[in-house]
């Protein structure tokens, strides 16, 4: 009597197919879950232009969205850092857009002396205090053609020429997209007067 037993080729093929199906299902769940995260990317701001205008009484920062996706202003933070021989300060503009177009303590984290607060010299309608040039808009989006605008406080970081030279000589501005699913830098530049 012969007691050798063997697995038939049909059973082994069925087992191999079952293993392949299980592996494919496991890998596809991982890959599809990963691609869902890729679909929740930050908006693409294809082009921006920045300008820093130090004047006799005002020091304006203007950043214009030239091309790309619209960005929800509530998902933006603006990091402002002033550096120089006599200053090294950083602040963040948060909780945007500023209510009533006036930047106040609710919108500033960090060194509160860098950014000018409240209505400008000519009152609440002074455009130098407006976060988005067309604010208040119906959509609260930073669209192509719109400008983010704020003032650097002369008392916090003075870029004007004086007999001893400027107190500050570099202004770094970074606009960060902060959403629950993604974070990205939309604009970054260092201005020198």
Protein backbone atom coordinates (compact mmCIF):
# COMPACT_ATOMS: atom_id res chain seq x y z
CA UNK A 1 0.00 0.00 0.00
CA UNK A 2 1.31 3.42 -1.01
CA UNK A 3 0.76 6.16 1.64
CA UNK A 4 2.25 9.13 -0.20
CA UNK A 5 -0.15 12.01 -0.40
CA UNK A 6 0.28 15.05 -2.61
CA UNK A 7 -1.59 18.30 -3.12
CA UNK A 8 -3.19 18.41 -6.48
CA UNK A 9 -2.08 21.16 -8.89
CA UNK A 10 -5.62 22.58 -8.94
CA UNK A 11 -5.66 23.21 -5.19
CA UNK A 12 -2.25 24.92 -5.28
CA UNK A 13 -3.40 27.24 -8.09
CA UNK A 14 -6.55 28.15 -6.11
CA UNK A 15 -4.43 28.92 -3.01
CA UNK A 16 -2.02 31.11 -5.03
CA UNK A 17 -4.93 33.04 -6.60
CA UNK A 18 -6.48 33.58 -3.15
CA UNK A 19 -3.19 34.94 -1.77
CA UNK A 20 -2.82 37.24 -4.79
CA UNK A 21 -6.38 38.56 -4.35
CA UNK A 22 -5.82 39.24 -0.64
CA UNK A 23 -2.52 41.03 -1.33
CA UNK A 24 -4.09 43.10 -4.13
CA UNK A 25 -6.99 44.13 -1.90
CA UNK A 26 -4.64 45.12 0.93
CA UNK A 27 -2.35 47.13 -1.33
CA UNK A 28 -5.25 48.85 -3.13
CA UNK A 29 -6.76 49.98 0.18
CA UNK A 30 -3.43 51.54 1.15
CA UNK A 31 -2.88 53.15 -2.27
CA UNK A 32 -6.44 54.47 -2.64
CA UNK A 33 -6.33 55.90 0.87
CA UNK A 34 -3.05 57.60 0.02
CA UNK A 35 -4.38 59.08 -3.23
CA UNK A 36 -7.35 60.55 -1.38
CA UNK A 37 -4.86 62.50 0.73
CA UNK A 38 -3.14 63.68 -2.46
CA UNK A 39 -6.43 65.08 -3.73
CA UNK A 40 -6.64 67.38 -0.68
CA UNK A 41 -3.62 69.46 -1.67
CA UNK A 42 -3.07 73.12 -0.97
CA UNK A 43 -4.08 75.63 -3.62
CA UNK A 44 -1.47 76.51 -6.20
CA UNK A 45 -0.63 80.19 -6.39
CA UNK A 46 1.19 80.21 -9.69
CA UNK A 47 2.57 83.70 -9.47
CA UNK A 48 2.66 86.50 -6.92
CA UNK A 49 4.43 89.81 -6.76
CA UNK A 50 5.52 91.52 -3.58
CA UNK A 51 6.48 95.07 -2.86
CA UNK A 52 7.67 96.84 0.29
CA UNK A 53 7.28 100.61 0.23
CA UNK A 54 8.97 102.39 3.14
CA UNK A 55 7.80 106.00 3.26
CA UNK A 56 8.08 108.98 5.54
CA UNK A 57 5.13 107.95 7.75
CA UNK A 58 4.02 104.57 6.38
CA UNK A 59 5.82 101.33 5.57
CA UNK A 60 3.47 99.33 3.35
CA UNK A 61 3.69 95.71 2.31
CA UNK A 62 1.75 94.83 -0.85
CA UNK A 63 1.49 91.25 -2.11
CA UNK A 64 -0.53 90.70 -5.27
CA UNK A 65 -1.93 87.33 -6.34
CA UNK A 66 -1.16 87.35 -10.08
CA UNK A 67 -2.18 83.85 -11.19
CA UNK A 68 -3.32 80.54 -9.77
CA UNK A 69 -6.03 79.11 -7.54
CA UNK A 70 -8.18 81.22 -5.25
CA UNK A 71 -7.23 80.82 -1.59
CA UNK A 72 -9.64 80.97 1.35
CA UNK A 73 -8.37 83.85 3.47
CA UNK A 74 -9.38 82.06 6.67
CA UNK A 75 -6.81 79.36 5.79
CA UNK A 76 -3.92 81.81 5.51
CA UNK A 77 -1.37 83.09 8.00
CA UNK A 78 1.19 85.76 7.22
CA UNK A 79 4.55 85.49 8.97
CA UNK A 80 6.42 88.81 9.17
CA UNK A 81 10.00 89.03 10.44
CA UNK A 82 12.00 92.25 10.69
CA UNK A 83 15.77 92.00 11.06
CA UNK A 84 18.61 94.45 11.28
CA UNK A 85 21.32 95.83 13.54
CA UNK A 86 18.80 96.98 16.16
CA UNK A 87 15.82 94.67 15.61
CA UNK A 88 15.01 90.96 15.31
CA UNK A 89 11.25 90.47 15.70
CA UNK A 90 8.66 88.09 14.32
CA UNK A 91 4.89 88.15 14.28
CA UNK A 92 2.05 86.29 12.57
CA UNK A 93 -1.12 87.75 11.10
CA UNK A 94 -3.84 85.22 11.94
CA UNK A 95 -7.64 84.99 12.09
CA UNK A 96 -7.97 86.58 8.69
CA UNK A 97 -9.65 88.46 7.15
CA UNK A 98 -9.41 91.21 9.73
CA UNK A 99 -12.87 92.24 10.85
CA UNK A 100 -13.97 95.56 9.39
CA UNK A 101 -10.58 95.74 7.59
CA UNK A 102 -8.84 96.88 10.79
CA UNK A 103 -5.98 94.74 12.08
CA UNK A 104 -6.17 94.42 15.86
CA UNK A 105 -4.79 92.22 18.65
CA UNK A 106 -7.00 89.29 17.59
CA UNK A 107 -5.10 89.20 14.28
CA UNK A 108 -1.57 89.39 15.71
CA UNK A 109 0.46 86.62 17.38
CA UNK A 110 4.01 87.28 18.49
CA UNK A 111 5.62 90.72 18.60
CA UNK A 112 2.66 93.09 18.49
CA UNK A 113 4.86 96.11 17.74
CA UNK A 114 5.74 95.21 14.14
CA UNK A 115 2.30 95.49 12.51
CA UNK A 116 0.25 98.72 12.63
CA UNK A 117 -3.11 98.14 14.29
CA UNK A 118 -6.49 99.82 14.01
CA UNK A 119 -7.72 102.35 11.48
CA UNK A 120 -5.11 104.26 9.52
CA UNK A 121 -4.41 107.95 9.80
CA UNK A 122 -7.32 108.90 7.59
CA UNK A 123 -9.83 106.81 9.54
CA UNK A 124 -11.48 103.40 9.17
CA UNK A 125 -11.52 103.56 5.39
CA UNK A 126 -7.74 104.01 5.13
CA UNK A 127 -6.71 101.36 2.57
CA UNK A 128 -3.39 100.87 4.35
CA UNK A 129 -5.12 98.77 7.00
CA UNK A 130 -6.96 96.50 4.58
CA UNK A 131 -5.87 92.86 4.53
CA UNK A 132 -7.40 92.13 1.13
CA UNK A 133 -7.69 95.07 -1.24
CA UNK A 134 -11.27 94.22 -2.21
CA UNK A 135 -12.35 93.28 1.34
CA UNK A 136 -15.05 92.90 2.37
CA UNK A 137 -15.79 90.55 -0.49
CA UNK A 138 -18.65 88.12 -0.66
CA UNK A 139 -16.39 85.10 -0.92
CA UNK A 140 -13.45 85.88 1.44
CA UNK A 141 -11.04 84.50 -1.14
CA UNK A 142 -7.65 85.83 -2.20
CA UNK A 143 -8.26 85.74 -5.95
CA UNK A 144 -5.94 86.55 -8.84
CA UNK A 145 -5.73 90.32 -9.13
CA UNK A 146 -6.27 90.98 -5.41
CA UNK A 147 -3.65 92.44 -3.10
CA UNK A 148 -2.87 91.69 0.53
CA UNK A 149 -1.90 94.95 2.14
CA UNK A 150 -0.70 95.89 5.64
CA UNK A 151 1.63 98.36 7.33
CA UNK A 152 4.82 97.84 9.28
CA UNK A 153 4.80 99.96 12.43
CA UNK A 154 7.64 102.51 12.36
CA UNK A 155 7.94 102.17 16.15
CA UNK A 156 8.46 98.40 15.89
CA UNK A 157 10.80 98.22 12.87
CA UNK A 158 11.97 101.44 11.25
CA UNK A 159 13.24 100.96 7.70
CA UNK A 160 13.52 104.69 6.95
CA UNK A 161 16.91 106.26 6.34
CA UNK A 162 18.25 108.25 9.28
CA UNK A 163 21.64 109.82 9.99
CA UNK A 164 22.67 106.60 11.75
CA UNK A 165 21.17 104.34 9.06
CA UNK A 166 17.99 102.26 9.26
CA UNK A 167 17.11 100.40 12.44
CA UNK A 168 15.91 97.44 10.33
CA UNK A 169 17.28 96.33 6.98
CA UNK A 170 15.42 93.11 6.12
CA UNK A 171 11.74 92.24 6.06
CA UNK A 172 10.83 88.59 5.50
CA UNK A 173 7.22 87.94 4.55
CA UNK A 174 5.83 84.42 4.20
CA UNK A 175 2.22 83.56 3.40
CA UNK A 176 1.38 80.09 4.68
CA UNK A 177 -1.68 78.06 3.70
CA UNK A 178 -2.84 76.26 6.84
CA UNK A 179 -5.68 73.84 6.39
CA UNK A 180 -6.48 70.75 8.43
CA UNK A 181 -5.38 68.51 5.55
CA UNK A 182 -2.36 70.36 4.17
CA UNK A 183 0.12 73.15 4.76
CA UNK A 184 2.05 74.98 2.06
CA UNK A 185 4.00 78.18 1.51
CA UNK A 186 2.15 80.36 -1.00
CA UNK A 187 4.57 83.31 -1.00
CA UNK A 188 7.99 83.95 0.50
CA UNK A 189 10.28 86.92 -0.02
CA UNK A 190 12.79 89.08 1.81
CA UNK A 191 12.52 92.80 1.13
CA UNK A 192 15.42 95.22 1.56
CA UNK A 193 14.74 98.96 1.46
